Amino acid sequence: MNRTDPAVRPRVVILGAGFGGLSAAAALANSPFDVTLVDQHNYHLFQPLLYQVATAGLSPADIASPIRAIMRDARNVNVILAKVSGIDPERREVRAEGRRIAFDRLIVAQASRAGLRLLTADHVLLDLRRDFILDASC
């Protein structure tokens, strides 16, 4: 695929389908980008109400929704169920369970838990102010 061809839509990969990842995917829904949303779970868990489930105030189904159902109206968003194992910034690829997912722009929105080991490297996270400007020139 020739990435300099203006007819080819830029590829945005979003890692994580929590609040940040879903917000980014919703903002890019039906836009001139091909969006791939990658998460290790097939559902979004609304954690602020988790205590309600623990105390039998709510059913688990009340706070968990399938990601594909949430994004069903976004024709340009593809959801992939996979655990990310790495990012290759030089090749502009995400590695996830044997797959290589190419990207032009990358949004890392994984996990909000303190102490969780995230994918880290000095050069992995792109300078969003410089490299992630969604405009007509993408």
Protein backbone atom coordinates (compact mmCIF):
# COMPACT_ATOMS: atom_id res chain seq x y z
CA MET A 1 0.00 0.00 0.00
CA ASN A 2 1.41 3.35 -1.02
CA ARG A 3 1.10 5.66 2.02
CA THR A 4 1.85 8.77 -0.08
CA ASP A 5 -1.31 8.24 -2.14
CA PRO A 6 -3.83 10.92 -1.05
CA ALA A 7 -6.69 8.44 -1.54
CA VAL A 8 -5.30 6.21 1.23
CA ARG A 9 -6.76 7.08 4.60
CA PRO A 10 -4.37 7.56 7.54
CA ARG A 11 -4.36 4.64 10.00
CA VAL A 12 -4.90 5.46 13.67
CA VAL A 13 -4.35 2.67 16.20
CA ILE A 14 -5.76 3.12 19.71
CA LEU A 15 -4.42 0.86 22.44
CA GLY A 16 -6.95 0.36 25.21
CA ALA A 17 -10.74 0.58 25.32
CA GLY A 18 -11.15 2.27 28.67
CA PHE A 19 -12.46 5.79 29.07
CA GLY A 20 -9.55 7.36 27.18
CA GLY A 21 -9.47 4.87 24.31
CA LEU A 22 -13.23 4.90 23.79
CA SER A 23 -13.29 8.71 23.93
CA ALA A 24 -10.59 8.87 21.26
CA ALA A 25 -12.40 6.29 19.10
CA ALA A 26 -15.69 8.15 19.47
CA ALA A 27 -14.01 11.43 18.50
CA LEU A 28 -12.58 9.76 15.37
CA ALA A 29 -15.77 7.85 14.50
CA ASN A 30 -16.90 8.40 10.93
CA SER A 31 -13.89 10.63 10.25
CA PRO A 32 -11.47 10.36 7.31
CA PHE A 33 -9.25 7.94 9.28
CA ASP A 34 -9.10 4.15 9.47
CA VAL A 35 -9.22 3.51 13.21
CA THR A 36 -8.22 0.26 14.93
CA LEU A 37 -9.10 -0.11 18.60
CA VAL A 38 -7.09 -2.84 20.38
CA ASP A 39 -7.93 -4.20 23.83
CA GLN A 40 -7.32 -7.46 25.65
CA HIS A 41 -10.98 -7.63 26.72
CA ASN A 42 -14.08 -7.60 24.54
CA TYR A 43 -15.93 -5.33 26.97
CA HIS A 44 -15.64 -1.91 28.55
CA LEU A 45 -15.99 -2.00 32.33
CA PHE A 46 -17.44 1.08 34.01
CA GLN A 47 -15.28 0.81 37.13
CA PRO A 48 -16.81 3.69 39.14
CA LEU A 49 -19.84 1.43 39.75
CA LEU A 50 -17.88 -1.74 40.50
CA TYR A 51 -18.64 -1.38 44.20
CA GLN A 52 -22.37 -1.59 43.36
CA VAL A 53 -21.81 -5.03 41.84
CA ALA A 54 -19.75 -6.12 44.86
CA THR A 55 -22.62 -5.16 47.19
CA ALA A 56 -25.27 -6.76 44.91
CA GLY A 57 -26.74 -3.36 44.05
CA LEU A 58 -26.18 -3.92 40.32
CA SER A 59 -25.71 -6.85 37.99
CA PRO A 60 -22.30 -7.19 36.28
CA ALA A 61 -24.10 -6.70 32.97
CA ASP A 62 -25.12 -3.21 34.13
CA ILE A 63 -21.51 -1.97 34.22
CA ALA A 64 -19.91 -3.93 31.36
CA SER A 65 -20.70 -3.33 27.68
CA PRO A 66 -19.27 -5.05 24.60
CA ILE A 67 -16.79 -2.76 22.83
CA ARG A 68 -18.13 -3.68 19.39
CA ALA A 69 -21.65 -2.74 20.50
CA ILE A 70 -20.42 0.63 21.78
CA MET A 71 -18.67 1.34 18.46
CA ARG A 72 -21.28 -0.26 16.16
CA ASP A 73 -22.24 2.99 14.41
CA ALA A 74 -18.63 3.96 13.69
CA ARG A 75 -18.06 2.55 10.20
CA ASN A 76 -14.34 3.40 10.20
CA VAL A 77 -13.53 1.77 13.57
CA ASN A 78 -12.30 -1.82 13.67
CA VAL A 79 -12.08 -3.55 17.07
CA ILE A 80 -9.38 -6.17 17.67
CA LEU A 81 -9.36 -8.41 20.73
CA ALA A 82 -5.68 -8.93 21.57
CA LYS A 83 -3.08 -8.32 24.25
CA VAL A 84 -0.41 -5.86 23.11
CA SER A 85 3.13 -7.12 23.57
CA GLY A 86 5.11 -4.28 22.04
CA ILE A 87 5.42 -1.28 19.78
CA ASP A 88 7.95 -0.92 16.97
CA PRO A 89 8.18 2.85 16.41
CA GLU A 90 10.61 2.56 13.49
CA ARG A 91 8.29 0.25 11.55
CA ARG A 92 5.23 2.04 12.97
CA GLU A 93 3.68 -1.25 14.07
CA VAL A 94 2.01 -2.60 17.17
CA ARG A 95 2.65 -6.25 18.07
CA ALA A 96 -0.35 -8.01 19.54
CA GLU A 97 -0.62 -11.80 19.87
CA GLY A 98 1.24 -12.60 16.67
CA ARG A 99 -0.29 -9.73 14.69
CA ARG A 100 1.50 -6.68 13.42
CA ILE A 101 -0.87 -3.73 13.23
CA ALA A 102 0.47 -0.85 11.15
CA PHE A 103 -0.23 2.74 12.15
CA ASP A 104 0.34 6.27 10.97
CA ARG A 105 -0.77 7.71 14.32
CA LEU A 106 -0.78 5.89 17.67
CA ILE A 107 -2.82 6.61 20.77
CA VAL A 108 -1.73 4.76 23.90
CA ALA A 109 -4.63 4.74 26.36
CA GLN A 110 -3.91 1.66 28.42
CA ALA A 111 -4.75 1.25 32.07
CA SER A 112 -5.28 3.83 34.72
CA ARG A 113 -4.29 1.66 37.69
CA ALA A 114 -1.36 2.93 39.72
CA GLY A 115 1.66 0.67 39.63
CA LEU A 116 0.65 -1.14 36.45
CA ARG A 117 3.62 -1.75 34.18
CA LEU A 118 2.80 -0.07 30.88
CA LEU A 119 4.59 -0.40 27.58
CA THR A 120 7.49 1.92 28.15
CA ALA A 121 10.46 3.16 26.19
CA ASP A 122 11.77 6.66 25.76
CA HIS A 123 11.00 6.65 22.04
CA VAL A 124 7.68 4.76 22.04
CA LEU A 125 5.31 7.53 23.03
CA LEU A 126 5.20 10.02 20.22
CA ASP A 127 5.26 13.69 21.08
CA LEU A 128 1.53 14.26 20.75
CA ARG A 129 1.90 17.99 20.36
CA ARG A 130 4.16 17.45 17.36
CA ASP A 131 3.17 14.10 15.85
CA PHE A 132 -0.53 13.74 16.54
CA ILE A 133 -2.23 16.68 14.93
CA LEU A 134 -5.44 15.60 13.25
CA ASP A 135 -5.85 17.91 10.32
CA ALA A 136 -6.27 17.73 6.57
CA SER A 137 -2.53 17.31 6.03
CA CYS A 138 -2.43 13.86 7.71
